[in-house]
Amino acid sequence: MGLIFSGRAEMIENGRGYIQTVRRAFPRPSVIRIGYMIRRPRPKVRLSKREVFRRDNHTCQYCGVRFGRMTLDHVVPRHLGGSHSWDNLVTACASCNLKKGGRSLDQAPMSLQHAPYEPHASALYVFGLHLDDNDMWRPYLEGW
């Protein structure tokens, strides 16, 4: 609201009602456009258990099951030289993680359904979880 009142931003969409003061009602913006762009480095998605589950859609990357207790698995175990990175972590169900154990994919005859990767921090990925409540954001997030 401060950016809008100072003239540095303009309201594009009003999807959240109004802010009522004693004398006036102000539209509560859902989407604003800032008048100038400040160049910042592209953000990176932080490596965490929750983000690995999100990337893999809460699906075991070995058997494809989507229910039950999910765990993280290192494709190349750390004691065999594997790193704790996006390219080496996958979501696994408890039974597949136990079956694979501390072995590599070749030693335990298992294969991945999808190769692990670092997700790109696009606006749609970062704010996509909030689209159910704010569907009017979709056209602005897809173009970014």
N, C-alpha and C. Protein backbone atom coordinates (compact mmCIF):
# COMPACT_ATOMS: atom_id res chain seq x y z
N MET A 1 0.83 -1.18 0.00
CA MET A 1 0.00 0.00 0.00
C MET A 1 0.88 1.25 0.00
N GLY A 2 2.01 1.18 0.70
CA GLY A 2 2.92 2.32 0.72
C GLY A 2 3.46 2.65 -0.65
N LEU A 3 3.80 1.61 -1.44
CA LEU A 3 4.29 1.84 -2.80
C LEU A 3 3.22 2.46 -3.68
N ILE A 4 1.99 2.05 -3.52
CA ILE A 4 0.90 2.60 -4.32
C ILE A 4 0.64 4.06 -3.95
N PHE A 5 0.60 4.36 -2.66
CA PHE A 5 0.35 5.74 -2.22
C PHE A 5 1.47 6.69 -2.61
N SER A 6 2.73 6.18 -2.64
CA SER A 6 3.85 7.05 -3.00
C SER A 6 4.01 7.19 -4.51
N GLY A 7 3.24 6.44 -5.30
CA GLY A 7 3.30 6.55 -6.75
C GLY A 7 4.36 5.67 -7.39
N ARG A 8 5.02 4.81 -6.63
CA ARG A 8 6.05 3.94 -7.17
C ARG A 8 5.48 2.66 -7.76
N ALA A 9 4.21 2.37 -7.50
CA ALA A 9 3.57 1.16 -8.03
C ALA A 9 2.12 1.49 -8.35
N GLU A 10 1.54 0.67 -9.22
CA GLU A 10 0.13 0.82 -9.54
C GLU A 10 -0.58 -0.52 -9.37
N MET A 11 -1.83 -0.45 -8.99
CA MET A 11 -2.61 -1.66 -8.77
C MET A 11 -3.10 -2.20 -10.12
N ILE A 12 -2.90 -3.49 -10.34
CA ILE A 12 -3.35 -4.15 -11.57
C ILE A 12 -4.64 -4.92 -11.30
N GLU A 13 -4.68 -5.67 -10.20
CA GLU A 13 -5.85 -6.48 -9.86
C GLU A 13 -6.26 -6.24 -8.41
N ASN A 14 -7.56 -6.08 -8.21
CA ASN A 14 -8.11 -5.97 -6.86
C ASN A 14 -8.94 -7.22 -6.62
N GLY A 15 -8.35 -8.18 -5.96
CA GLY A 15 -9.07 -9.42 -5.73
C GLY A 15 -9.25 -9.74 -4.27
N ARG A 16 -9.00 -8.79 -3.41
CA ARG A 16 -9.02 -9.08 -1.99
C ARG A 16 -9.90 -8.15 -1.19
N GLY A 17 -10.79 -7.45 -1.82
CA GLY A 17 -11.71 -6.58 -1.08
C GLY A 17 -11.16 -5.20 -0.86
N TYR A 18 -11.48 -4.62 0.29
CA TYR A 18 -11.13 -3.23 0.57
C TYR A 18 -10.57 -3.11 1.98
N ILE A 19 -9.71 -2.10 2.16
CA ILE A 19 -9.22 -1.73 3.48
C ILE A 19 -10.02 -0.51 3.91
N GLN A 20 -10.73 -0.66 5.00
CA GLN A 20 -11.63 0.41 5.46
C GLN A 20 -10.92 1.26 6.50
N THR A 21 -10.91 2.58 6.25
CA THR A 21 -10.43 3.52 7.25
C THR A 21 -11.64 4.30 7.75
N VAL A 22 -11.40 5.29 8.59
CA VAL A 22 -12.50 6.08 9.14
C VAL A 22 -13.20 6.85 8.04
N ARG A 23 -12.43 7.41 7.10
CA ARG A 23 -13.02 8.29 6.08
C ARG A 23 -13.17 7.66 4.71
N ARG A 24 -12.40 6.61 4.42
CA ARG A 24 -12.36 6.09 3.05
C ARG A 24 -12.14 4.59 3.02
N ALA A 25 -12.47 4.00 1.90
CA ALA A 25 -12.17 2.58 1.66
C ALA A 25 -11.18 2.51 0.50
N PHE A 26 -10.08 1.81 0.72
CA PHE A 26 -9.06 1.65 -0.31
C PHE A 26 -9.09 0.22 -0.83
N PRO A 27 -8.97 0.04 -2.16
CA PRO A 27 -8.93 -1.33 -2.68
C PRO A 27 -7.67 -2.04 -2.20
N ARG A 28 -7.83 -3.29 -1.84
CA ARG A 28 -6.72 -4.12 -1.36
C ARG A 28 -6.16 -4.88 -2.55
N PRO A 29 -4.96 -4.51 -3.02
CA PRO A 29 -4.45 -5.09 -4.27
C PRO A 29 -4.02 -6.54 -4.11
N SER A 30 -4.23 -7.28 -5.20
CA SER A 30 -3.75 -8.65 -5.27
C SER A 30 -2.53 -8.72 -6.18
N VAL A 31 -2.51 -7.89 -7.23
CA VAL A 31 -1.38 -7.82 -8.16
C VAL A 31 -1.04 -6.35 -8.35
N ILE A 32 0.25 -6.00 -8.20
CA ILE A 32 0.70 -4.63 -8.44
C ILE A 32 1.81 -4.66 -9.48
N ARG A 33 2.05 -3.50 -10.11
CA ARG A 33 3.15 -3.34 -11.06
C ARG A 33 4.05 -2.24 -10.50
N ILE A 34 5.31 -2.58 -10.29
CA ILE A 34 6.27 -1.61 -9.78
C ILE A 34 6.81 -0.82 -10.96
N GLY A 35 6.96 0.48 -10.78
CA GLY A 35 7.35 1.37 -11.87
C GLY A 35 8.75 1.16 -12.41
N TYR A 36 9.66 0.68 -11.59
CA TYR A 36 11.02 0.44 -12.05
C TYR A 36 11.51 -0.89 -11.51
N MET A 37 12.45 -1.47 -12.24
CA MET A 37 12.94 -2.81 -11.89
C MET A 37 14.32 -2.70 -11.28
N ILE A 38 14.52 -3.34 -10.16
CA ILE A 38 15.83 -3.42 -9.54
C ILE A 38 16.41 -4.78 -9.91
N ARG A 39 17.55 -4.77 -10.59
CA ARG A 39 18.18 -6.02 -11.01
C ARG A 39 18.77 -6.72 -9.80
N ARG A 40 18.37 -7.96 -9.64
CA ARG A 40 18.87 -8.77 -8.55
C ARG A 40 19.32 -10.10 -9.12
N PRO A 41 20.24 -10.79 -8.45
CA PRO A 41 20.61 -12.11 -8.94
C PRO A 41 19.41 -13.06 -8.89
N ARG A 42 19.36 -13.98 -9.82
CA ARG A 42 18.27 -14.95 -9.83
C ARG A 42 18.29 -15.77 -8.55
N PRO A 43 17.14 -15.97 -7.94
CA PRO A 43 17.12 -16.78 -6.72
C PRO A 43 17.33 -18.26 -7.05
N LYS A 44 17.81 -18.99 -6.07
CA LYS A 44 17.97 -20.44 -6.20
C LYS A 44 17.01 -21.10 -5.23
N VAL A 45 16.53 -22.25 -5.59
CA VAL A 45 15.67 -23.02 -4.69
C VAL A 45 16.57 -23.66 -3.64
N ARG A 46 16.25 -23.44 -2.40
CA ARG A 46 17.07 -23.93 -1.30
C ARG A 46 16.90 -25.45 -1.17
N LEU A 47 18.02 -26.13 -1.03
CA LEU A 47 18.00 -27.59 -0.89
C LEU A 47 17.49 -27.96 0.50
N SER A 48 16.32 -28.57 0.54
CA SER A 48 15.74 -29.03 1.80
C SER A 48 14.90 -30.28 1.51
N LYS A 49 14.56 -30.98 2.54
CA LYS A 49 13.76 -32.19 2.41
C LYS A 49 12.42 -31.87 1.76
N ARG A 50 11.80 -30.80 2.21
CA ARG A 50 10.49 -30.40 1.68
C ARG A 50 10.56 -30.07 0.19
N GLU A 51 11.64 -29.39 -0.23
CA GLU A 51 11.77 -29.03 -1.64
C GLU A 51 12.08 -30.24 -2.51
N VAL A 52 12.81 -31.21 -2.01
CA VAL A 52 13.06 -32.45 -2.78
C VAL A 52 11.74 -33.20 -2.96
N PHE A 53 10.94 -33.29 -1.88
CA PHE A 53 9.62 -33.93 -2.00
C PHE A 53 8.75 -33.19 -3.01
N ARG A 54 8.79 -31.87 -2.98
CA ARG A 54 7.98 -31.07 -3.92
C ARG A 54 8.44 -31.30 -5.36
N ARG A 55 9.74 -31.30 -5.58
CA ARG A 55 10.27 -31.52 -6.93
C ARG A 55 9.82 -32.87 -7.47
N ASP A 56 9.85 -33.90 -6.61
CA ASP A 56 9.49 -35.26 -7.02
C ASP A 56 8.00 -35.55 -6.89
N ASN A 57 7.20 -34.53 -6.56
CA ASN A 57 5.76 -34.65 -6.45
C ASN A 57 5.34 -35.69 -5.41
N HIS A 58 6.09 -35.79 -4.33
CA HIS A 58 5.82 -36.72 -3.23
C HIS A 58 5.64 -38.16 -3.74
N THR A 59 6.44 -38.53 -4.74
CA THR A 59 6.35 -39.85 -5.36
C THR A 59 7.68 -40.56 -5.22
N CYS A 60 7.65 -41.82 -4.84
CA CYS A 60 8.87 -42.62 -4.76
C CYS A 60 9.48 -42.73 -6.16
N GLN A 61 10.74 -42.39 -6.28
CA GLN A 61 11.40 -42.39 -7.58
C GLN A 61 11.87 -43.78 -8.01
N TYR A 62 11.66 -44.77 -7.17
CA TYR A 62 12.02 -46.14 -7.51
C TYR A 62 10.79 -46.96 -7.93
N CYS A 63 9.72 -46.92 -7.12
CA CYS A 63 8.55 -47.75 -7.43
C CYS A 63 7.34 -46.94 -7.87
N GLY A 64 7.32 -45.64 -7.67
CA GLY A 64 6.23 -44.80 -8.14
C GLY A 64 5.07 -44.67 -7.17
N VAL A 65 5.17 -45.17 -5.97
CA VAL A 65 4.08 -45.09 -5.01
C VAL A 65 3.98 -43.65 -4.47
N ARG A 66 2.74 -43.19 -4.18
CA ARG A 66 2.53 -41.82 -3.73
C ARG A 66 1.97 -41.74 -2.32
N PHE A 67 1.90 -42.80 -1.59
CA PHE A 67 1.35 -42.74 -0.25
C PHE A 67 2.35 -43.37 0.71
N GLY A 68 2.10 -43.21 1.99
CA GLY A 68 2.99 -43.79 2.98
C GLY A 68 4.06 -42.81 3.42
N ARG A 69 4.98 -43.31 4.19
CA ARG A 69 6.05 -42.46 4.73
C ARG A 69 7.16 -42.32 3.70
N MET A 70 7.41 -41.11 3.27
CA MET A 70 8.47 -40.86 2.29
C MET A 70 9.75 -40.43 3.00
N THR A 71 10.88 -40.82 2.42
CA THR A 71 12.18 -40.47 2.96
C THR A 71 13.05 -39.93 1.84
N LEU A 72 14.19 -39.38 2.21
CA LEU A 72 15.18 -38.96 1.23
C LEU A 72 16.16 -40.11 1.02
N ASP A 73 16.63 -40.27 -0.21
CA ASP A 73 17.63 -41.28 -0.50
C ASP A 73 18.73 -40.66 -1.34
N HIS A 74 19.96 -40.98 -1.02
CA HIS A 74 21.10 -40.57 -1.83
C HIS A 74 21.28 -41.63 -2.92
N VAL A 75 21.24 -41.22 -4.17
CA VAL A 75 21.38 -42.16 -5.29
C VAL A 75 22.73 -42.85 -5.19
N VAL A 76 23.79 -42.07 -5.06
CA VAL A 76 25.12 -42.61 -4.77
C VAL A 76 25.33 -42.35 -3.28
N PRO A 77 25.40 -43.40 -2.46
CA PRO A 77 25.51 -43.19 -1.01
C PRO A 77 26.71 -42.33 -0.65
N ARG A 78 26.59 -41.61 0.44
CA ARG A 78 27.65 -40.69 0.85
C ARG A 78 28.95 -41.42 1.17
N HIS A 79 28.84 -42.62 1.70
CA HIS A 79 30.08 -43.34 2.03
C HIS A 79 30.79 -43.87 0.79
N LEU A 80 30.09 -43.84 -0.36
CA LEU A 80 30.72 -44.22 -1.63
C LEU A 80 31.12 -43.00 -2.45
N GLY A 81 31.09 -41.84 -1.83
CA GLY A 81 31.53 -40.62 -2.52
C GLY A 81 30.40 -39.76 -3.05
N GLY A 82 29.16 -40.08 -2.76
CA GLY A 82 28.04 -39.27 -3.22
C GLY A 82 27.92 -37.98 -2.42
N SER A 83 27.38 -36.97 -3.03
CA SER A 83 27.26 -35.68 -2.36
C SER A 83 25.83 -35.45 -1.90
N HIS A 84 25.68 -34.47 -1.04
CA HIS A 84 24.35 -34.06 -0.57
C HIS A 84 23.93 -32.89 -1.45
N SER A 85 23.47 -33.21 -2.67
CA SER A 85 23.14 -32.17 -3.66
C SER A 85 21.85 -32.55 -4.39
N TRP A 86 21.33 -31.60 -5.18
CA TRP A 86 20.10 -31.82 -5.94
C TRP A 86 20.24 -33.01 -6.88
N ASP A 87 21.42 -33.19 -7.45
CA ASP A 87 21.62 -34.25 -8.44
C ASP A 87 21.77 -35.64 -7.83
N ASN A 88 21.83 -35.71 -6.49
CA ASN A 88 22.04 -37.00 -5.84
C ASN A 88 20.93 -37.36 -4.86
N LEU A 89 19.96 -36.49 -4.65
CA LEU A 89 18.87 -36.76 -3.70
C LEU A 89 17.57 -37.03 -4.42
N VAL A 90 16.85 -38.05 -3.99
CA VAL A 90 15.53 -38.37 -4.55
C VAL A 90 14.58 -38.74 -3.40
N THR A 91 13.30 -38.71 -3.70
CA THR A 91 12.28 -39.15 -2.76
C THR A 91 12.12 -40.66 -2.90
N ALA A 92 12.06 -41.34 -1.77
CA ALA A 92 11.89 -42.79 -1.79
C ALA A 92 10.94 -43.20 -0.68
N CYS A 93 10.14 -44.22 -0.95
CA CYS A 93 9.29 -44.75 0.13
C CYS A 93 10.20 -45.53 1.08
N ALA A 94 9.69 -45.79 2.26
CA ALA A 94 10.51 -46.45 3.29
C ALA A 94 10.96 -47.83 2.85
N SER A 95 10.10 -48.58 2.16
CA SER A 95 10.49 -49.94 1.76
C SER A 95 11.57 -49.92 0.67
N CYS A 96 11.48 -49.00 -0.29
CA CYS A 96 12.52 -48.92 -1.33
C CYS A 96 13.84 -48.43 -0.75
N ASN A 97 13.76 -47.49 0.20
CA ASN A 97 14.98 -47.00 0.83
C ASN A 97 15.66 -48.11 1.62
N LEU A 98 14.87 -48.93 2.29
CA LEU A 98 15.42 -50.06 3.04
C LEU A 98 15.99 -51.12 2.09
N LYS A 99 15.30 -51.35 0.98
CA LYS A 99 15.75 -52.34 0.00
C LYS A 99 17.07 -51.92 -0.65
N LYS A 100 17.20 -50.65 -0.97
CA LYS A 100 18.42 -50.16 -1.60
C LYS A 100 19.56 -50.10 -0.58
N GLY A 101 19.25 -49.69 0.63
CA GLY A 101 20.26 -49.63 1.68
C GLY A 101 21.38 -48.67 1.33
N GLY A 102 22.59 -49.04 1.65
CA GLY A 102 23.75 -48.20 1.38
C GLY A 102 24.47 -48.60 0.11
N ARG A 103 23.72 -49.12 -0.86
CA ARG A 103 24.32 -49.58 -2.10
C ARG A 103 24.03 -48.61 -3.24
N SER A 104 24.79 -48.70 -4.30
CA SER A 104 24.53 -47.89 -5.48
C SER A 104 23.40 -48.53 -6.29
N LEU A 105 22.96 -47.87 -7.34
CA LEU A 105 21.88 -48.41 -8.18
C LEU A 105 22.29 -49.70 -8.87
N ASP A 106 23.57 -49.82 -9.23
CA ASP A 106 24.04 -51.04 -9.88
C ASP A 106 24.13 -52.21 -8.91
N GLN A 107 24.58 -51.92 -7.69
CA GLN A 107 24.71 -52.98 -6.69
C GLN A 107 23.34 -53.50 -6.25
N ALA A 108 22.40 -52.58 -6.07
CA ALA A 108 21.02 -52.98 -5.76
C ALA A 108 20.28 -52.86 -7.08
N PRO A 109 19.83 -53.92 -7.68
CA PRO A 109 19.24 -53.82 -9.03
C PRO A 109 17.96 -52.97 -9.04
N MET A 110 18.17 -51.66 -8.98
CA MET A 110 17.05 -50.71 -8.97
C MET A 110 17.34 -49.62 -9.98
N SER A 111 16.28 -48.97 -10.45
CA SER A 111 16.46 -47.86 -11.38
C SER A 111 15.54 -46.71 -11.00
N LEU A 112 15.93 -45.52 -11.40
CA LEU A 112 15.15 -44.32 -11.11
C LEU A 112 14.11 -44.09 -12.20
N GLN A 113 12.95 -43.61 -11.81
CA GLN A 113 11.93 -43.26 -12.80
C GLN A 113 12.26 -41.95 -13.49
N HIS A 114 12.84 -41.00 -12.74
CA HIS A 114 13.24 -39.70 -13.28
C HIS A 114 14.61 -39.34 -12.73
N ALA A 115 15.45 -38.77 -13.56
CA ALA A 115 16.77 -38.35 -13.10
C ALA A 115 16.62 -37.12 -12.20
N PRO A 116 17.34 -37.06 -11.09
CA PRO A 116 17.24 -35.90 -10.21
C PRO A 116 17.89 -34.68 -10.85
N TYR A 117 17.35 -33.50 -10.54
CA TYR A 117 17.85 -32.25 -11.12
C TYR A 117 17.57 -31.12 -10.12
N GLU A 118 18.25 -30.00 -10.31
CA GLU A 118 17.98 -28.82 -9.50
C GLU A 118 16.85 -28.04 -10.15
N PRO A 119 15.76 -27.79 -9.43
CA PRO A 119 14.64 -27.06 -10.04
C PRO A 119 14.99 -25.60 -10.29
N HIS A 120 14.49 -25.09 -11.39
CA HIS A 120 14.69 -23.69 -11.75
C HIS A 120 13.76 -22.83 -10.90
N ALA A 121 14.27 -21.77 -10.32
CA ALA A 121 13.49 -20.93 -9.41
C ALA A 121 12.66 -19.92 -10.19
N SER A 122 11.76 -20.39 -11.03
CA SER A 122 10.87 -19.49 -11.76
C SER A 122 9.76 -19.01 -10.82
N ALA A 123 9.10 -17.97 -11.20
CA ALA A 123 8.01 -17.44 -10.37
C ALA A 123 6.90 -18.47 -10.22
N LEU A 124 6.63 -19.22 -11.28
CA LEU A 124 5.58 -20.23 -11.21
C LEU A 124 5.95 -21.33 -10.22
N TYR A 125 7.23 -21.71 -10.17
CA TYR A 125 7.65 -22.74 -9.21
C TYR A 125 7.62 -22.20 -7.78
N VAL A 126 8.12 -20.99 -7.59
CA VAL A 126 8.22 -20.42 -6.24
C VAL A 126 6.84 -20.12 -5.66
N PHE A 127 5.96 -19.52 -6.46
CA PHE A 127 4.65 -19.11 -5.96
C PHE A 127 3.52 -20.05 -6.38
N GLY A 128 3.84 -21.14 -7.07
CA GLY A 128 2.83 -22.06 -7.57
C GLY A 128 1.98 -22.70 -6.49
N LEU A 129 2.53 -22.85 -5.30
CA LEU A 129 1.76 -23.44 -4.21
C LEU A 129 0.59 -22.56 -3.79
N HIS A 130 0.67 -21.27 -4.07
CA HIS A 130 -0.35 -20.33 -3.64
C HIS A 130 -1.41 -20.07 -4.73
N LEU A 131 -1.32 -20.74 -5.87
CA LEU A 131 -2.26 -20.48 -6.97
C LEU A 131 -3.67 -20.95 -6.68
N ASP A 132 -3.85 -21.92 -5.78
CA ASP A 132 -5.20 -22.38 -5.45
C ASP A 132 -6.02 -21.25 -4.84
N ASP A 133 -5.39 -20.45 -3.99
CA ASP A 133 -6.09 -19.34 -3.34
C ASP A 133 -6.08 -18.07 -4.18
N ASN A 134 -5.13 -17.94 -5.11
CA ASN A 134 -4.95 -16.72 -5.89
C ASN A 134 -4.81 -17.05 -7.36
N ASP A 135 -5.85 -17.57 -7.97
CA ASP A 135 -5.79 -18.00 -9.37
C ASP A 135 -5.57 -16.83 -10.33
N MET A 136 -5.89 -15.62 -9.91
CA MET A 136 -5.69 -14.46 -10.79
C MET A 136 -4.21 -14.16 -11.01
N TRP A 137 -3.31 -14.76 -10.23
CA TRP A 137 -1.88 -14.57 -10.42
C TRP A 137 -1.34 -15.35 -11.61
N ARG A 138 -2.03 -16.40 -12.04
CA ARG A 138 -1.51 -17.32 -13.07
C ARG A 138 -0.99 -16.62 -14.33
N PRO A 139 -1.72 -15.70 -14.96
CA PRO A 139 -1.19 -15.09 -16.19
C PRO A 139 0.10 -14.31 -15.96
N TYR A 140 0.27 -13.77 -14.77
CA TYR A 140 1.46 -12.98 -14.48
C TYR A 140 2.66 -13.88 -14.14
N LEU A 141 2.41 -15.02 -13.54
CA LEU A 141 3.48 -15.93 -13.17
C LEU A 141 3.98 -16.75 -14.36
N GLU A 142 3.11 -17.09 -15.26
CA GLU A 142 3.50 -17.91 -16.41
C GLU A 142 4.37 -17.14 -17.39
N GLY A 143 4.20 -15.84 -17.46
CA GLY A 143 5.00 -15.05 -18.39
C GLY A 143 6.36 -14.66 -17.88
N TRP A 144 6.65 -14.91 -16.59
CA TRP A 144 7.90 -14.46 -16.00
C TRP A 144 9.03 -15.37 -16.29
